[in-house]
Each structure stands twice: as structure tokens, then as C-alpha cells.
Amino acid sequence: MKSDNIALLQLCSGKNTKHNLAQIEQQIKQLPNSVKLVLTPENALLFSDNISYRNFAESQGEGPLQGAIAEMAPLSSMDIGELYAINQSRRS
């Protein structure tokens, strides 16, 4: 039986998206190559108020924040997902 490793990241996100992305990237770089899926908390990229969420909103599949996360995936040949989105899809 083949098994793939999954990593769950924990971080203290805030309003500074560049800092949040840097925290995620730092943690990904520390993971072993055997990790194939990385899950982040639902507010990993931005933890702020409603106005900030609206200002940073992106269409699904495009935008600078999603692009930055996509660029991190090849660091360890892994997929990066958001824990909230995965949980929501299970409820549907």
C-alpha cells in the first residue's frame, strides 16, 4: 500500500499578506520531500476585517495571492490546499 505524506501548516496570519506568504513559504521549505499535500488554515493569506477581505478578493484561479501560492508548490513537488475549502467541499 502506497501512502503519501500530508503536512498541516499552522501560522498566525495578519493584515500583511507578504508576511503571511513568507511564513507559509518558510514552513514549506522545511518540509521533507516526501510531503505531497500541504494544507493551510482558512485565513492563512489574510486575517483582517471585512474591508480588507473585499480589497484583496480574487476570482477563483487568478490573482496575485493565488499565484504566489502556486509558485510555492514546486518547491517540494506538492499541492497546496486550504483546509477550509476542503472541509466545505466535503459538506456539499
PDB file of N, CA and C in Angstrom:
ATOM      1  N   MET A   1       0.843  -1.187   0.000  1.00  0.00           N
ATOM      2  CA  MET A   1       0.000   0.000   0.000  1.00  0.00           C
ATOM      3  C   MET A   1       0.880   1.240   0.000  1.00  0.00           C
ATOM      4  N   LYS A   2       0.658   2.106  -0.957  1.00  0.00           N
ATOM      5  CA  LYS A   2       1.419   3.346  -1.066  1.00  0.00           C
ATOM      6  C   LYS A   2       0.748   4.426  -0.232  1.00  0.00           C
ATOM      7  N   SER A   3       1.550   5.211   0.464  1.00  0.00           N
ATOM      8  CA  SER A   3       0.988   6.318   1.233  1.00  0.00           C
ATOM      9  C   SER A   3       1.748   7.598   0.917  1.00  0.00           C
ATOM     10  N   ASP A   4       1.004   8.673   0.837  1.00  0.00           N
ATOM     11  CA  ASP A   4       1.593   9.997   0.632  1.00  0.00           C
ATOM     12  C   ASP A   4       1.505  10.765   1.929  1.00  0.00           C
ATOM     13  N   ASN A   5       2.494  11.567   2.186  1.00  0.00           N
ATOM     14  CA  ASN A   5       2.503  12.375   3.408  1.00  0.00           C
ATOM     15  C   ASN A   5       1.776  13.693   3.191  1.00  0.00           C
ATOM     16  N   ILE A   6       1.089  14.112   4.233  1.00  0.00           N
ATOM     17  CA  ILE A   6       0.342  15.370   4.225  1.00  0.00           C
ATOM     18  C   ILE A   6       0.875  16.233   5.359  1.00  0.00           C
ATOM     19  N   ALA A   7       1.048  17.523   5.092  1.00  0.00           N
ATOM     20  CA  ALA A   7       1.512  18.462   6.123  1.00  0.00           C
ATOM     21  C   ALA A   7       0.409  19.480   6.389  1.00  0.00           C
ATOM     22  N   LEU A   8       0.182  19.766   7.647  1.00  0.00           N
ATOM     23  CA  LEU A   8      -0.758  20.804   8.056  1.00  0.00           C
ATOM     24  C   LEU A   8       0.048  21.962   8.618  1.00  0.00           C
ATOM     25  N   LEU A   9      -0.068  23.122   8.016  1.00  0.00           N
ATOM     26  CA  LEU A   9       0.678  24.283   8.489  1.00  0.00           C
ATOM     27  C   LEU A   9      -0.145  25.047   9.516  1.00  0.00           C
ATOM     28  N   GLN A  10       0.547  25.605  10.477  1.00  0.00           N
ATOM     29  CA  GLN A  10      -0.088  26.467  11.473  1.00  0.00           C
ATOM     30  C   GLN A  10       0.672  27.781  11.488  1.00  0.00           C
ATOM     31  N   LEU A  11      -0.032  28.884  11.411  1.00  0.00           N
ATOM     32  CA  LEU A  11       0.630  30.181  11.462  1.00  0.00           C
ATOM     33  C   LEU A  11      -0.313  31.223  12.021  1.00  0.00           C
ATOM     34  N   CYS A  12       0.263  32.324  12.413  1.00  0.00           N
ATOM     35  CA  CYS A  12      -0.508  33.436  12.970  1.00  0.00           C
ATOM     36  C   CYS A  12      -0.571  34.527  11.898  1.00  0.00           C
ATOM     37  N   SER A  13      -1.597  34.472  11.065  1.00  0.00           N
ATOM     38  CA  SER A  13      -1.740  35.416   9.957  1.00  0.00           C
ATOM     39  C   SER A  13      -2.270  36.755  10.455  1.00  0.00           C
ATOM     40  N   GLY A  14      -2.013  37.774   9.646  1.00  0.00           N
ATOM     41  CA  GLY A  14      -2.488  39.110   9.957  1.00  0.00           C
ATOM     42  C   GLY A  14      -2.878  39.840   8.686  1.00  0.00           C
ATOM     43  N   LYS A  15      -2.826  41.175   8.737  1.00  0.00           N
ATOM     44  CA  LYS A  15      -3.207  42.011   7.595  1.00  0.00           C
ATOM     45  C   LYS A  15      -2.151  42.062   6.495  1.00  0.00           C
ATOM     46  N   ASN A  16      -0.897  41.755   6.829  1.00  0.00           N
ATOM     47  CA  ASN A  16       0.204  41.862   5.871  1.00  0.00           C
ATOM     48  C   ASN A  16       0.333  40.570   5.068  1.00  0.00           C
ATOM     49  N   THR A  17      -0.200  40.592   3.849  1.00  0.00           N
ATOM     50  CA  THR A  17      -0.209  39.379   3.038  1.00  0.00           C
ATOM     51  C   THR A  17       1.201  38.924   2.655  1.00  0.00           C
ATOM     52  N   LYS A  18       2.118  39.866   2.453  1.00  0.00           N
ATOM     53  CA  LYS A  18       3.503  39.475   2.117  1.00  0.00           C
ATOM     54  C   LYS A  18       4.137  38.721   3.276  1.00  0.00           C
ATOM     55  N   HIS A  19       3.889  39.173   4.480  1.00  0.00           N
ATOM     56  CA  HIS A  19       4.413  38.483   5.662  1.00  0.00           C
ATOM     57  C   HIS A  19       3.768  37.102   5.800  1.00  0.00           C
ATOM     58  N   ASN A  20       2.477  37.019   5.566  1.00  0.00           N
ATOM     59  CA  ASN A  20       1.783  35.738   5.653  1.00  0.00           C
ATOM     60  C   ASN A  20       2.331  34.752   4.627  1.00  0.00           C
ATOM     61  N   LEU A  21       2.528  35.221   3.397  1.00  0.00           N
ATOM     62  CA  LEU A  21       3.102  34.359   2.354  1.00  0.00           C
ATOM     63  C   LEU A  21       4.516  33.912   2.713  1.00  0.00           C
ATOM     64  N   ALA A  22       5.291  34.814   3.291  1.00  0.00           N
ATOM     65  CA  ALA A  22       6.655  34.470   3.696  1.00  0.00           C
ATOM     66  C   ALA A  22       6.652  33.383   4.774  1.00  0.00           C
ATOM     67  N   GLN A  23       5.708  33.463   5.704  1.00  0.00           N
ATOM     68  CA  GLN A  23       5.600  32.429   6.748  1.00  0.00           C
ATOM     69  C   GLN A  23       5.271  31.072   6.132  1.00  0.00           C
ATOM     70  N   ILE A  24       4.351  31.071   5.189  1.00  0.00           N
ATOM     71  CA  ILE A  24       3.971  29.821   4.522  1.00  0.00           C
ATOM     72  C   ILE A  24       5.161  29.244   3.770  1.00  0.00           C
ATOM     73  N   GLU A  25       5.837  30.098   2.998  1.00  0.00           N
ATOM     74  CA  GLU A  25       6.987  29.634   2.218  1.00  0.00           C
ATOM     75  C   GLU A  25       8.090  29.082   3.123  1.00  0.00           C
ATOM     76  N   GLN A  26       8.358  29.757   4.224  1.00  0.00           N
ATOM     77  CA  GLN A  26       9.385  29.297   5.160  1.00  0.00           C
ATOM     78  C   GLN A  26       9.054  27.904   5.690  1.00  0.00           C
ATOM     79  N   GLN A  27       7.802  27.686   6.043  1.00  0.00           N
ATOM     80  CA  GLN A  27       7.410  26.380   6.562  1.00  0.00           C
ATOM     81  C   GLN A  27       7.474  25.303   5.479  1.00  0.00           C
ATOM     82  N   ILE A  28       7.093  25.638   4.262  1.00  0.00           N
ATOM     83  CA  ILE A  28       7.141  24.666   3.168  1.00  0.00           C
ATOM     84  C   ILE A  28       8.582  24.237   2.897  1.00  0.00           C
ATOM     85  N   LYS A  29       9.494  25.183   2.936  1.00  0.00           N
ATOM     86  CA  LYS A  29      10.904  24.859   2.674  1.00  0.00           C
ATOM     87  C   LYS A  29      11.491  23.911   3.722  1.00  0.00           C
ATOM     88  N   GLN A  30      10.889  23.855   4.902  1.00  0.00           N
ATOM     89  CA  GLN A  30      11.375  22.988   5.971  1.00  0.00           C
ATOM     90  C   GLN A  30      10.785  21.575   5.895  1.00  0.00           C
ATOM     91  N   LEU A  31       9.828  21.358   5.023  1.00  0.00           N
ATOM     92  CA  LEU A  31       9.175  20.061   4.937  1.00  0.00           C
ATOM     93  C   LEU A  31      10.032  19.056   4.173  1.00  0.00           C
ATOM     94  N   PRO A  32       9.928  17.793   4.535  1.00  0.00           N
ATOM     95  CA  PRO A  32      10.659  16.769   3.784  1.00  0.00           C
ATOM     96  C   PRO A  32      10.073  16.597   2.384  1.00  0.00           C
ATOM     97  N   ASN A  33      10.854  16.089   1.449  1.00  0.00           N
ATOM     98  CA  ASN A  33      10.402  15.903   0.074  1.00  0.00           C
ATOM     99  C   ASN A  33       9.275  14.886  -0.041  1.00  0.00           C
ATOM    100  N   SER A  34       9.069  14.084   0.976  1.00  0.00           N
ATOM    101  CA  SER A  34       8.017  13.070   0.922  1.00  0.00           C
ATOM    102  C   SER A  34       6.615  13.666   1.044  1.00  0.00           C
ATOM    103  N   VAL A  35       6.511  14.926   1.447  1.00  0.00           N
ATOM    104  CA  VAL A  35       5.202  15.576   1.586  1.00  0.00           C
ATOM    105  C   VAL A  35       4.667  15.915   0.200  1.00  0.00           C
ATOM    106  N   LYS A  36       3.441  15.474  -0.067  1.00  0.00           N
ATOM    107  CA  LYS A  36       2.811  15.704  -1.366  1.00  0.00           C
ATOM    108  C   LYS A  36       1.623  16.655  -1.303  1.00  0.00           C
ATOM    109  N   LEU A  37       1.106  16.906  -0.110  1.00  0.00           N
ATOM    110  CA  LEU A  37      -0.031  17.811   0.045  1.00  0.00           C
ATOM    111  C   LEU A  37       0.182  18.660   1.289  1.00  0.00           C
ATOM    112  N   VAL A  38       0.048  19.967   1.127  1.00  0.00           N
ATOM    113  CA  VAL A  38       0.172  20.904   2.248  1.00  0.00           C
ATOM    114  C   VAL A  38      -1.163  21.600   2.418  1.00  0.00           C
ATOM    115  N   LEU A  39      -1.668  21.595   3.640  1.00  0.00           N
ATOM    116  CA  LEU A  39      -2.925  22.276   3.940  1.00  0.00           C
ATOM    117  C   LEU A  39      -2.645  23.467   4.844  1.00  0.00           C
ATOM    118  N   THR A  40      -3.300  24.571   4.538  1.00  0.00           N
ATOM    119  CA  THR A  40      -3.147  25.792   5.332  1.00  0.00           C
ATOM    120  C   THR A  40      -4.476  26.119   6.015  1.00  0.00           C
ATOM    121  N   PRO A  41      -4.443  26.903   7.072  1.00  0.00           N
ATOM    122  CA  PRO A  41      -5.705  27.345   7.691  1.00  0.00           C
ATOM    123  C   PRO A  41      -6.505  28.205   6.718  1.00  0.00           C
ATOM    124  N   GLU A  42      -7.806  28.335   6.979  1.00  0.00           N
ATOM    125  CA  GLU A  42      -8.675  29.046   6.040  1.00  0.00           C
ATOM    126  C   GLU A  42      -8.318  30.521   5.876  1.00  0.00           C
ATOM    127  N   ASN A  43      -7.711  31.158   6.848  1.00  0.00           N
ATOM    128  CA  ASN A  43      -7.328  32.568   6.738  1.00  0.00           C
ATOM    129  C   ASN A  43      -5.815  32.737   6.674  1.00  0.00           C
ATOM    130  N   ALA A  44      -5.127  31.802   6.077  1.00  0.00           N
ATOM    131  CA  ALA A  44      -3.667  31.841   6.050  1.00  0.00           C
ATOM    132  C   ALA A  44      -3.123  33.051   5.289  1.00  0.00           C
ATOM    133  N   LEU A  45      -3.780  33.444   4.222  1.00  0.00           N
ATOM    134  CA  LEU A  45      -3.271  34.549   3.410  1.00  0.00           C
ATOM    135  C   LEU A  45      -3.631  35.920   3.952  1.00  0.00           C
ATOM    136  N   LEU A  46      -4.761  35.996   4.657  1.00  0.00           N
ATOM    137  CA  LEU A  46      -5.206  37.281   5.188  1.00  0.00           C
ATOM    138  C   LEU A  46      -6.141  37.041   6.369  1.00  0.00           C
ATOM    139  N   PHE A  47      -5.809  37.627   7.483  1.00  0.00           N
ATOM    140  CA  PHE A  47      -6.684  37.594   8.656  1.00  0.00           C
ATOM    141  C   PHE A  47      -6.910  39.042   9.040  1.00  0.00           C
ATOM    142  N   SER A  48      -8.086  39.563   8.688  1.00  0.00           N
ATOM    143  CA  SER A  48      -8.315  41.000   8.854  1.00  0.00           C
ATOM    144  C   SER A  48      -9.807  41.290   8.982  1.00  0.00           C
ATOM    145  N   ASP A  49     -10.175  42.490   8.558  1.00  0.00           N
ATOM    146  CA  ASP A  49     -11.573  42.914   8.639  1.00  0.00           C
ATOM    147  C   ASP A  49     -12.252  42.782   7.270  1.00  0.00           C
ATOM    148  N   ASN A  50     -13.559  43.003   7.245  1.00  0.00           N
ATOM    149  CA  ASN A  50     -14.339  42.849   6.015  1.00  0.00           C
ATOM    150  C   ASN A  50     -13.836  43.723   4.878  1.00  0.00           C
ATOM    151  N   ILE A  51     -13.422  44.924   5.187  1.00  0.00           N
ATOM    152  CA  ILE A  51     -12.939  45.835   4.136  1.00  0.00           C
ATOM    153  C   ILE A  51     -11.686  45.267   3.488  1.00  0.00           C
ATOM    154  N   SER A  52     -10.756  44.776   4.285  1.00  0.00           N
ATOM    155  CA  SER A  52      -9.529  44.191   3.729  1.00  0.00           C
ATOM    156  C   SER A  52      -9.841  42.951   2.899  1.00  0.00           C
ATOM    157  N   TYR A  53     -10.761  42.111   3.384  1.00  0.00           N
ATOM    158  CA  TYR A  53     -11.131  40.924   2.609  1.00  0.00           C
ATOM    159  C   TYR A  53     -11.671  41.317   1.237  1.00  0.00           C
ATOM    160  N   ARG A  54     -12.479  42.351   1.190  1.00  0.00           N
ATOM    161  CA  ARG A  54     -13.014  42.819  -0.096  1.00  0.00           C
ATOM    162  C   ARG A  54     -11.907  43.394  -0.982  1.00  0.00           C
ATOM    163  N   ASN A  55     -10.978  44.140  -0.379  1.00  0.00           N
ATOM    164  CA  ASN A  55      -9.884  44.741  -1.153  1.00  0.00           C
ATOM    165  C   ASN A  55      -8.943  43.691  -1.743  1.00  0.00           C
ATOM    166  N   PHE A  56      -8.772  42.573  -1.060  1.00  0.00           N
ATOM    167  CA  PHE A  56      -7.857  41.534  -1.524  1.00  0.00           C
ATOM    168  C   PHE A  56      -8.572  40.395  -2.253  1.00  0.00           C
ATOM    169  N   ALA A  57      -9.884  40.501  -2.431  1.00  0.00           N
ATOM    170  CA  ALA A  57     -10.648  39.429  -3.075  1.00  0.00           C
ATOM    171  C   ALA A  57     -10.124  39.159  -4.485  1.00  0.00           C
ATOM    172  N   GLU A  58     -10.087  37.876  -4.846  1.00  0.00           N
ATOM    173  CA  GLU A  58      -9.629  37.449  -6.165  1.00  0.00           C
ATOM    174  C   GLU A  58     -10.638  36.466  -6.744  1.00  0.00           C
ATOM    175  N   SER A  59     -10.741  36.465  -8.050  1.00  0.00           N
ATOM    176  CA  SER A  59     -11.558  35.449  -8.710  1.00  0.00           C
ATOM    177  C   SER A  59     -10.865  34.103  -8.553  1.00  0.00           C
ATOM    178  N   GLN A  60     -11.645  33.053  -8.486  1.00  0.00           N
ATOM    179  CA  GLN A  60     -11.068  31.721  -8.312  1.00  0.00           C
ATOM    180  C   GLN A  60     -10.138  31.395  -9.473  1.00  0.00           C
ATOM    181  N   GLY A  61      -8.929  30.982  -9.121  1.00  0.00           N
ATOM    182  CA  GLY A  61      -7.958  30.573 -10.122  1.00  0.00           C
ATOM    183  C   GLY A  61      -7.081  31.681 -10.678  1.00  0.00           C
ATOM    184  N   GLU A  62      -7.254  32.912 -10.198  1.00  0.00           N
ATOM    185  CA  GLU A  62      -6.417  34.009 -10.694  1.00  0.00           C
ATOM    186  C   GLU A  62      -6.214  35.060  -9.614  1.00  0.00           C
ATOM    187  N   GLY A  63      -5.119  35.769  -9.717  1.00  0.00           N
ATOM    188  CA  GLY A  63      -4.824  36.823  -8.755  1.00  0.00           C
ATOM    189  C   GLY A  63      -3.445  36.636  -8.153  1.00  0.00           C
ATOM    190  N   PRO A  64      -2.874  37.712  -7.619  1.00  0.00           N
ATOM    191  CA  PRO A  64      -1.503  37.652  -7.110  1.00  0.00           C
ATOM    192  C   PRO A  64      -1.312  36.722  -5.905  1.00  0.00           C
ATOM    193  N   LEU A  65      -2.292  36.648  -5.004  1.00  0.00           N
ATOM    194  CA  LEU A  65      -2.128  35.759  -3.838  1.00  0.00           C
ATOM    195  C   LEU A  65      -2.170  34.295  -4.265  1.00  0.00           C
ATOM    196  N   GLN A  66      -3.128  33.957  -5.120  1.00  0.00           N
ATOM    197  CA  GLN A  66      -3.195  32.585  -5.610  1.00  0.00           C
ATOM    198  C   GLN A  66      -1.965  32.240  -6.446  1.00  0.00           C
ATOM    199  N   GLY A  67      -1.474  33.213  -7.197  1.00  0.00           N
ATOM    200  CA  GLY A  67      -0.262  33.000  -7.992  1.00  0.00           C
ATOM    201  C   GLY A  67       0.947  32.740  -7.118  1.00  0.00           C
ATOM    202  N   ALA A  68       1.056  33.479  -6.020  1.00  0.00           N
ATOM    203  CA  ALA A  68       2.192  33.289  -5.107  1.00  0.00           C
ATOM    204  C   ALA A  68       2.165  31.897  -4.488  1.00  0.00           C
ATOM    205  N   ILE A  69       0.977  31.426  -4.106  1.00  0.00           N
ATOM    206  CA  ILE A  69       0.857  30.079  -3.545  1.00  0.00           C
ATOM    207  C   ILE A  69       1.195  29.038  -4.611  1.00  0.00           C
ATOM    208  N   ALA A  70       0.719  29.231  -5.822  1.00  0.00           N
ATOM    209  CA  ALA A  70       1.005  28.288  -6.908  1.00  0.00           C
ATOM    210  C   ALA A  70       2.500  28.187  -7.173  1.00  0.00           C
ATOM    211  N   GLU A  71       3.209  29.300  -7.054  1.00  0.00           N
ATOM    212  CA  GLU A  71       4.660  29.284  -7.269  1.00  0.00           C
ATOM    213  C   GLU A  71       5.399  28.529  -6.178  1.00  0.00           C
ATOM    214  N   MET A  72       4.810  28.419  -4.991  1.00  0.00           N
ATOM    215  CA  MET A  72       5.448  27.692  -3.894  1.00  0.00           C
ATOM    216  C   MET A  72       5.348  26.182  -4.059  1.00  0.00           C
ATOM    217  N   ALA A  73       4.333  25.700  -4.740  1.00  0.00           N
ATOM    218  CA  ALA A  73       4.098  24.264  -4.849  1.00  0.00           C
ATOM    219  C   ALA A  73       5.300  23.497  -5.407  1.00  0.00           C
ATOM    220  N   PRO A  74       5.975  23.981  -6.445  1.00  0.00           N
ATOM    221  CA  PRO A  74       7.114  23.220  -6.968  1.00  0.00           C
ATOM    222  C   PRO A  74       8.321  23.132  -6.025  1.00  0.00           C
ATOM    223  N   LEU A  75       8.321  23.905  -4.942  1.00  0.00           N
ATOM    224  CA  LEU A  75       9.453  23.849  -4.020  1.00  0.00           C
ATOM    225  C   LEU A  75       9.679  22.435  -3.503  1.00  0.00           C
ATOM    226  N   SER A  76       8.619  21.685  -3.364  1.00  0.00           N
ATOM    227  CA  SER A  76       8.737  20.313  -2.878  1.00  0.00           C
ATOM    228  C   SER A  76       7.846  19.362  -3.664  1.00  0.00           C
ATOM    229  N   SER A  77       7.509  19.704  -4.882  1.00  0.00           N
ATOM    230  CA  SER A  77       6.645  18.870  -5.728  1.00  0.00           C
ATOM    231  C   SER A  77       5.351  18.505  -5.013  1.00  0.00           C
ATOM    232  N   MET A  78       4.649  19.510  -4.535  1.00  0.00           N
ATOM    233  CA  MET A  78       3.438  19.251  -3.755  1.00  0.00           C
ATOM    234  C   MET A  78       2.286  20.123  -4.195  1.00  0.00           C
ATOM    235  N   ASP A  79       1.119  19.733  -3.767  1.00  0.00           N
ATOM    236  CA  ASP A  79      -0.082  20.535  -3.939  1.00  0.00           C
ATOM    237  C   ASP A  79      -0.328  21.277  -2.637  1.00  0.00           C
ATOM    238  N   ILE A  80      -0.847  22.487  -2.730  1.00  0.00           N
ATOM    239  CA  ILE A  80      -1.154  23.277  -1.548  1.00  0.00           C
ATOM    240  C   ILE A  80      -2.643  23.574  -1.564  1.00  0.00           C
ATOM    241  N   GLY A  81      -3.316  23.230  -0.488  1.00  0.00           N
ATOM    242  CA  GLY A  81      -4.749  23.454  -0.395  1.00  0.00           C
ATOM    243  C   GLY A  81      -5.091  24.229   0.854  1.00  0.00           C
ATOM    244  N   GLU A  82      -6.278  24.737   0.850  1.00  0.00           N
ATOM    245  CA  GLU A  82      -6.759  25.478   2.009  1.00  0.00           C
ATOM    246  C   GLU A  82      -7.713  24.573   2.780  1.00  0.00           C
ATOM    247  N   LEU A  83      -7.456  24.414   4.048  1.00  0.00           N
ATOM    248  CA  LEU A  83      -8.229  23.489   4.863  1.00  0.00           C
ATOM    249  C   LEU A  83      -9.719  23.795   4.824  1.00  0.00           C
ATOM    250  N   TYR A  84     -10.092  25.052   4.852  1.00  0.00           N
ATOM    251  CA  TYR A  84     -11.499  25.437   4.846  1.00  0.00           C
ATOM    252  C   TYR A  84     -12.185  24.964   3.565  1.00  0.00           C
ATOM    253  N   ALA A  85     -11.540  25.202   2.433  1.00  0.00           N
ATOM    254  CA  ALA A  85     -12.132  24.826   1.144  1.00  0.00           C
ATOM    255  C   ALA A  85     -12.331  23.320   1.067  1.00  0.00           C
ATOM    256  N   ILE A  86     -11.403  22.570   1.570  1.00  0.00           N
ATOM    257  CA  ILE A  86     -11.524  21.115   1.551  1.00  0.00           C
ATOM    258  C   ILE A  86     -12.671  20.677   2.442  1.00  0.00           C
ATOM    259  N   ASN A  87     -12.783  21.247   3.616  1.00  0.00           N
ATOM    260  CA  ASN A  87     -13.879  20.909   4.511  1.00  0.00           C
ATOM    261  C   ASN A  87     -15.236  21.269   3.910  1.00  0.00           C
ATOM    262  N   GLN A  88     -15.330  22.400   3.245  1.00  0.00           N
ATOM    263  CA  GLN A  88     -16.587  22.823   2.639  1.00  0.00           C
ATOM    264  C   GLN A  88     -17.001  21.877   1.522  1.00  0.00           C
ATOM    265  N   SER A  89     -16.034  21.389   0.731  1.00  0.00           N
ATOM    266  CA  SER A  89     -16.376  20.501  -0.379  1.00  0.00           C
ATOM    267  C   SER A  89     -16.907  19.168   0.134  1.00  0.00           C
ATOM    268  N   ARG A  90     -16.494  18.742   1.304  1.00  0.00           N
ATOM    269  CA  ARG A  90     -16.995  17.501   1.885  1.00  0.00           C
ATOM    270  C   ARG A  90     -18.449  17.639   2.310  1.00  0.00           C
ATOM    271  N   ARG A  91     -18.869  18.846   2.638  1.00  0.00           N
ATOM    272  CA  ARG A  91     -20.239  19.081   3.102  1.00  0.00           C
ATOM    273  C   ARG A  91     -21.221  19.158   1.942  1.00  0.00           C
ATOM    274  N   SER A  92     -20.717  19.414   0.747  1.00  0.00           N
ATOM    275  CA  SER A  92     -21.596  19.582  -0.420  1.00  0.00           C
ATOM    276  C   SER A  92     -22.100  18.252  -0.933  1.00  0.00           C
TER     277      SER A  92
END
